[in-house]
Amino acid sequence: YRHGPSAFKRNFLVETTPLQEGVMDFKHYHKYTETVEFLKKWAKQYPDLIDLYVVAQSFGGIDIYQVTVTNKKTGKDTDKPAMYIEGNRHSGEVTAGESALWMLNYMLTNYGKDKEVTRLLDNFTYYFRPVNNPDGSMLYLETAQSLRSTIRPHDDDGDGLLDEDPA
């Protein structure tokens, strides 16, 4: 493990510490707050390509962010063929969130440099929601919990009691 024994002090083995604060890397899993910071940063850095907005709130009251990515100078997002990319529908699906974040980062940082990325963003629209379940993502990445999909209380065995059953 990159950070040695300190990884065990958190009581779980998922690496969530960036190599350098504020610099994108894919050597760790991005916590919800770090992901949102990058989305906000990119919205300012690439105003002709990206729109950032909140689409809903989670069960726990946390904003769920989405971005629309396309070259606005070549037409409205709703007038172009589109693709929707989502991550973290369930708490343990952190690789899906990382994949969405990687693709978004790649497209933004390579627009105007890579011929194919430029063609895609000029002619198509991409809707990215890297963290669809921030409650579950935080539960998975920041606690010892690993398999719950949501923080919504649940009666696993129909006995009228919530969340008292073991995993």
C-alpha atoms as a PDB file:
ATOM      1  CA  TYR A   1       0.000   0.000   0.000  1.00  0.00           C
ATOM      2  CA  ARG A   2       1.242   3.382  -1.038  1.00  0.00           C
ATOM      3  CA  HIS A   3       0.839   4.943   2.410  1.00  0.00           C
ATOM      4  CA  GLY A   4       2.056   1.948   4.371  1.00  0.00           C
ATOM      5  CA  PRO A   5       0.453   0.966   7.677  1.00  0.00           C
ATOM      6  CA  SER A   6      -1.461   4.258   7.922  1.00  0.00           C
ATOM      7  CA  ALA A   7      -4.007   2.748   5.519  1.00  0.00           C
ATOM      8  CA  PHE A   8      -5.038   0.358   8.299  1.00  0.00           C
ATOM      9  CA  LYS A   9      -5.721   3.094  10.851  1.00  0.00           C
ATOM     10  CA  ARG A  10      -8.949   3.940   9.024  1.00  0.00           C
ATOM     11  CA  ASN A  11     -10.186   0.382   9.617  1.00  0.00           C
ATOM     12  CA  PHE A  12     -10.584  -0.319   5.909  1.00  0.00           C
ATOM     13  CA  LEU A  13      -8.331  -0.815   2.917  1.00  0.00           C
ATOM     14  CA  VAL A  14      -9.612   1.599   0.271  1.00  0.00           C
ATOM     15  CA  GLU A  15      -7.059   4.258  -0.644  1.00  0.00           C
ATOM     16  CA  THR A  16      -8.664   7.717  -0.726  1.00  0.00           C
ATOM     17  CA  THR A  17      -5.659  10.010  -0.297  1.00  0.00           C
ATOM     18  CA  PRO A  18      -4.607  11.974  -3.399  1.00  0.00           C
ATOM     19  CA  LEU A  19      -0.935  12.050  -4.369  1.00  0.00           C
ATOM     20  CA  GLN A  20      -1.150  15.855  -4.328  1.00  0.00           C
ATOM     21  CA  GLU A  21      -4.134  17.820  -3.037  1.00  0.00           C
ATOM     22  CA  GLY A  22      -6.097  19.454  -5.876  1.00  0.00           C
ATOM     23  CA  VAL A  23      -4.268  17.592  -8.656  1.00  0.00           C
ATOM     24  CA  MET A  24      -6.115  14.872 -10.576  1.00  0.00           C
ATOM     25  CA  ASP A  25      -4.646  11.398 -10.248  1.00  0.00           C
ATOM     26  CA  PHE A  26      -6.097   7.925 -10.508  1.00  0.00           C
ATOM     27  CA  LYS A  27      -3.893   6.286  -7.884  1.00  0.00           C
ATOM     28  CA  HIS A  28      -6.697   6.626  -5.309  1.00  0.00           C
ATOM     29  CA  TYR A  29     -10.482   6.572  -5.116  1.00  0.00           C
ATOM     30  CA  HIS A  30     -11.986  10.058  -5.137  1.00  0.00           C
ATOM     31  CA  LYS A  31     -14.263  10.850  -2.210  1.00  0.00           C
ATOM     32  CA  TYR A  32     -17.515  12.655  -2.988  1.00  0.00           C
ATOM     33  CA  THR A  33     -16.214  16.071  -1.880  1.00  0.00           C
ATOM     34  CA  GLU A  34     -13.073  15.759  -3.995  1.00  0.00           C
ATOM     35  CA  THR A  35     -15.127  14.748  -7.041  1.00  0.00           C
ATOM     36  CA  VAL A  36     -17.415  17.756  -6.604  1.00  0.00           C
ATOM     37  CA  GLU A  37     -14.389  20.061  -6.247  1.00  0.00           C
ATOM     38  CA  PHE A  38     -13.092  18.835  -9.615  1.00  0.00           C
ATOM     39  CA  LEU A  39     -16.521  19.236 -11.256  1.00  0.00           C
ATOM     40  CA  LYS A  40     -16.685  22.851 -10.038  1.00  0.00           C
ATOM     41  CA  LYS A  41     -13.097  23.508 -11.111  1.00  0.00           C
ATOM     42  CA  TRP A  42     -13.766  22.126 -14.603  1.00  0.00           C
ATOM     43  CA  ALA A  43     -16.980  24.134 -14.965  1.00  0.00           C
ATOM     44  CA  LYS A  44     -14.900  27.305 -14.479  1.00  0.00           C
ATOM     45  CA  GLN A  45     -11.928  26.089 -16.532  1.00  0.00           C
ATOM     46  CA  TYR A  46     -13.951  24.845 -19.541  1.00  0.00           C
ATOM     47  CA  PRO A  47     -17.044  27.109 -19.748  1.00  0.00           C
ATOM     48  CA  ASP A  48     -17.484  26.450 -23.496  1.00  0.00           C
ATOM     49  CA  LEU A  49     -17.610  22.690 -22.930  1.00  0.00           C
ATOM     50  CA  ILE A  50     -19.251  21.962 -19.581  1.00  0.00           C
ATOM     51  CA  ASP A  51     -22.348  22.902 -17.568  1.00  0.00           C
ATOM     52  CA  LEU A  52     -22.556  21.787 -13.932  1.00  0.00           C
ATOM     53  CA  TYR A  53     -25.837  21.497 -12.063  1.00  0.00           C
ATOM     54  CA  VAL A  54     -27.590  19.648  -9.245  1.00  0.00           C
ATOM     55  CA  VAL A  55     -30.168  17.112 -10.455  1.00  0.00           C
ATOM     56  CA  ALA A  56     -31.460  15.903  -7.082  1.00  0.00           C
ATOM     57  CA  GLN A  57     -30.660  15.347  -3.441  1.00  0.00           C
ATOM     58  CA  SER A  58     -29.813  11.998  -1.933  1.00  0.00           C
ATOM     59  CA  PHE A  59     -31.799  10.307   0.821  1.00  0.00           C
ATOM     60  CA  GLY A  60     -29.305  11.898   3.239  1.00  0.00           C
ATOM     61  CA  GLY A  61     -29.819  15.375   1.749  1.00  0.00           C
ATOM     62  CA  ILE A  62     -26.593  15.583  -0.258  1.00  0.00           C
ATOM     63  CA  ASP A  63     -26.582  17.269  -3.658  1.00  0.00           C
ATOM     64  CA  ILE A  64     -26.241  14.949  -6.661  1.00  0.00           C
ATOM     65  CA  TYR A  65     -24.265  16.717  -9.378  1.00  0.00           C
ATOM     66  CA  GLN A  66     -24.364  16.160 -13.101  1.00  0.00           C
ATOM     67  CA  VAL A  67     -22.483  17.796 -15.964  1.00  0.00           C
ATOM     68  CA  THR A  68     -23.391  18.279 -19.589  1.00  0.00           C
ATOM     69  CA  VAL A  69     -20.341  18.155 -21.844  1.00  0.00           C
ATOM     70  CA  THR A  70     -20.335  19.311 -25.459  1.00  0.00           C
ATOM     71  CA  ASN A  71     -18.844  22.099 -27.536  1.00  0.00           C
ATOM     72  CA  LYS A  72     -21.496  24.775 -27.048  1.00  0.00           C
ATOM     73  CA  LYS A  73     -20.221  26.679 -30.101  1.00  0.00           C
ATOM     74  CA  THR A  74     -21.279  23.830 -32.418  1.00  0.00           C
ATOM     75  CA  GLY A  75     -24.866  23.647 -31.157  1.00  0.00           C
ATOM     76  CA  LYS A  76     -27.131  23.017 -28.188  1.00  0.00           C
ATOM     77  CA  ASP A  77     -26.638  19.837 -26.180  1.00  0.00           C
ATOM     78  CA  THR A  78     -30.257  18.840 -26.785  1.00  0.00           C
ATOM     79  CA  ASP A  79     -29.805  19.087 -30.573  1.00  0.00           C
ATOM     80  CA  LYS A  80     -26.997  16.510 -30.677  1.00  0.00           C
ATOM     81  CA  PRO A  81     -26.950  12.724 -30.203  1.00  0.00           C
ATOM     82  CA  ALA A  82     -26.145  12.039 -26.566  1.00  0.00           C
ATOM     83  CA  MET A  83     -24.758   9.505 -24.134  1.00  0.00           C
ATOM     84  CA  TYR A  84     -25.352   9.256 -20.372  1.00  0.00           C
ATOM     85  CA  ILE A  85     -22.515   8.039 -18.121  1.00  0.00           C
ATOM     86  CA  GLU A  86     -23.237   7.272 -14.468  1.00  0.00           C
ATOM     87  CA  GLY A  87     -21.191   5.955 -11.580  1.00  0.00           C
ATOM     88  CA  ASN A  88     -21.812   4.843  -8.014  1.00  0.00           C
ATOM     89  CA  ARG A  89     -25.422   3.763  -8.335  1.00  0.00           C
ATOM     90  CA  HIS A  90     -24.658   1.388  -5.475  1.00  0.00           C
ATOM     91  CA  SER A  91     -22.231   2.122  -2.668  1.00  0.00           C
ATOM     92  CA  GLY A  92     -19.623  -0.482  -3.569  1.00  0.00           C
ATOM     93  CA  GLU A  93     -19.511   0.423  -7.254  1.00  0.00           C
ATOM     94  CA  VAL A  94     -16.678   2.895  -6.789  1.00  0.00           C
ATOM     95  CA  THR A  95     -14.853   1.744  -9.919  1.00  0.00           C
ATOM     96  CA  ALA A  96     -17.811   2.882 -12.034  1.00  0.00           C
ATOM     97  CA  GLY A  97     -17.556   6.351 -10.498  1.00  0.00           C
ATOM     98  CA  GLU A  98     -13.801   6.394 -11.121  1.00  0.00           C
ATOM     99  CA  SER A  99     -14.336   5.297 -14.729  1.00  0.00           C
ATOM    100  CA  ALA A 100     -16.843   8.096 -15.342  1.00  0.00           C
ATOM    101  CA  LEU A 101     -14.498  10.611 -13.711  1.00  0.00           C
ATOM    102  CA  TRP A 102     -11.539   9.344 -15.765  1.00  0.00           C
ATOM    103  CA  MET A 103     -13.478   9.614 -19.031  1.00  0.00           C
ATOM    104  CA  LEU A 104     -14.700  13.113 -18.179  1.00  0.00           C
ATOM    105  CA  ASN A 105     -11.180  14.244 -17.254  1.00  0.00           C
ATOM    106  CA  TYR A 106      -9.751  12.692 -20.435  1.00  0.00           C
ATOM    107  CA  MET A 107     -12.286  14.378 -22.688  1.00  0.00           C
ATOM    108  CA  LEU A 108     -11.867  17.810 -21.114  1.00  0.00           C
ATOM    109  CA  THR A 109      -8.077  17.784 -20.972  1.00  0.00           C
ATOM    110  CA  ASN A 110      -7.709  16.438 -24.515  1.00  0.00           C
ATOM    111  CA  TYR A 111     -10.259  18.609 -26.300  1.00  0.00           C
ATOM    112  CA  GLY A 112      -8.446  20.571 -29.016  1.00  0.00           C
ATOM    113  CA  LYS A 113      -5.378  18.304 -28.694  1.00  0.00           C
ATOM    114  CA  ASP A 114      -6.791  14.912 -29.665  1.00  0.00           C
ATOM    115  CA  LYS A 115      -8.579  14.822 -33.019  1.00  0.00           C
ATOM    116  CA  GLU A 116     -11.101  12.149 -31.993  1.00  0.00           C
ATOM    117  CA  VAL A 117     -11.991  13.736 -28.632  1.00  0.00           C
ATOM    118  CA  THR A 118     -12.468  17.086 -30.389  1.00  0.00           C
ATOM    119  CA  ARG A 119     -14.723  15.468 -33.012  1.00  0.00           C
ATOM    120  CA  LEU A 120     -16.790  13.757 -30.311  1.00  0.00           C
ATOM    121  CA  LEU A 121     -17.356  16.910 -28.251  1.00  0.00           C
ATOM    122  CA  ASP A 122     -18.051  19.003 -31.347  1.00  0.00           C
ATOM    123  CA  ASN A 123     -20.758  16.616 -32.571  1.00  0.00           C
ATOM    124  CA  PHE A 124     -22.154  14.802 -29.544  1.00  0.00           C
ATOM    125  CA  THR A 125     -23.319  15.489 -26.002  1.00  0.00           C
ATOM    126  CA  TYR A 126     -22.261  13.588 -22.887  1.00  0.00           C
ATOM    127  CA  TYR A 127     -24.134  13.687 -19.588  1.00  0.00           C
ATOM    128  CA  PHE A 128     -21.914  12.608 -16.696  1.00  0.00           C
ATOM    129  CA  ARG A 129     -23.101  11.791 -13.186  1.00  0.00           C
ATOM    130  CA  PRO A 130     -19.952  10.347 -11.564  1.00  0.00           C
ATOM    131  CA  VAL A 131     -21.573   9.906  -8.133  1.00  0.00           C
ATOM    132  CA  ASN A 132     -25.251   9.003  -8.361  1.00  0.00           C
ATOM    133  CA  ASN A 133     -25.381   7.777  -4.752  1.00  0.00           C
ATOM    134  CA  PRO A 134     -23.247  10.100  -2.590  1.00  0.00           C
ATOM    135  CA  ASP A 135     -24.597   8.583   0.647  1.00  0.00           C
ATOM    136  CA  GLY A 136     -23.508   5.102  -0.401  1.00  0.00           C
ATOM    137  CA  SER A 137     -20.221   6.302  -1.873  1.00  0.00           C
ATOM    138  CA  MET A 138     -19.275   8.021   1.383  1.00  0.00           C
ATOM    139  CA  LEU A 139     -20.422   4.997   3.375  1.00  0.00           C
ATOM    140  CA  TYR A 140     -18.177   2.731   1.299  1.00  0.00           C
ATOM    141  CA  LEU A 141     -15.127   4.997   1.014  1.00  0.00           C
ATOM    142  CA  GLU A 142     -15.140   6.610   4.453  1.00  0.00           C
ATOM    143  CA  THR A 143     -16.326   3.884   6.845  1.00  0.00           C
ATOM    144  CA  ALA A 144     -15.840   0.164   7.419  1.00  0.00           C
ATOM    145  CA  GLN A 145     -19.207  -0.520   5.726  1.00  0.00           C
ATOM    146  CA  SER A 146     -18.862  -2.117   2.328  1.00  0.00           C
ATOM    147  CA  LEU A 147     -22.001  -3.701   0.881  1.00  0.00           C
ATOM    148  CA  ARG A 148     -24.924  -1.392   1.631  1.00  0.00           C
ATOM    149  CA  SER A 149     -26.469   0.364  -1.336  1.00  0.00           C
ATOM    150  CA  THR A 150     -27.987   3.259   0.575  1.00  0.00           C
ATOM    151  CA  ILE A 151     -28.274   4.754   4.036  1.00  0.00           C
ATOM    152  CA  ARG A 152     -32.063   4.288   3.917  1.00  0.00           C
ATOM    153  CA  PRO A 153     -33.007   2.078   6.923  1.00  0.00           C
ATOM    154  CA  HIS A 154     -34.104  -1.420   5.907  1.00  0.00           C
ATOM    155  CA  ASP A 155     -35.867  -4.351   7.532  1.00  0.00           C
ATOM    156  CA  ASP A 156     -33.869  -7.294   6.141  1.00  0.00           C
ATOM    157  CA  ASP A 157     -35.894 -10.086   7.771  1.00  0.00           C
ATOM    158  CA  GLY A 158     -39.399  -8.612   8.076  1.00  0.00           C
ATOM    159  CA  ASP A 159     -39.380  -8.441  11.889  1.00  0.00           C
ATOM    160  CA  GLY A 160     -40.313  -4.751  12.030  1.00  0.00           C
ATOM    161  CA  LEU A 161     -36.817  -3.704  13.197  1.00  0.00           C
ATOM    162  CA  LEU A 162     -34.503  -1.674  11.008  1.00  0.00           C
ATOM    163  CA  ASP A 163     -30.795  -2.318  10.397  1.00  0.00           C
ATOM    164  CA  GLU A 164     -30.309  -4.693  13.336  1.00  0.00           C
ATOM    165  CA  ASP A 165     -29.346  -7.712  11.242  1.00  0.00           C
ATOM    166  CA  PRO A 166     -25.685  -8.496  10.535  1.00  0.00           C
ATOM    167  CA  ALA A 167     -24.349  -8.188   6.979  1.00  0.00           C
END
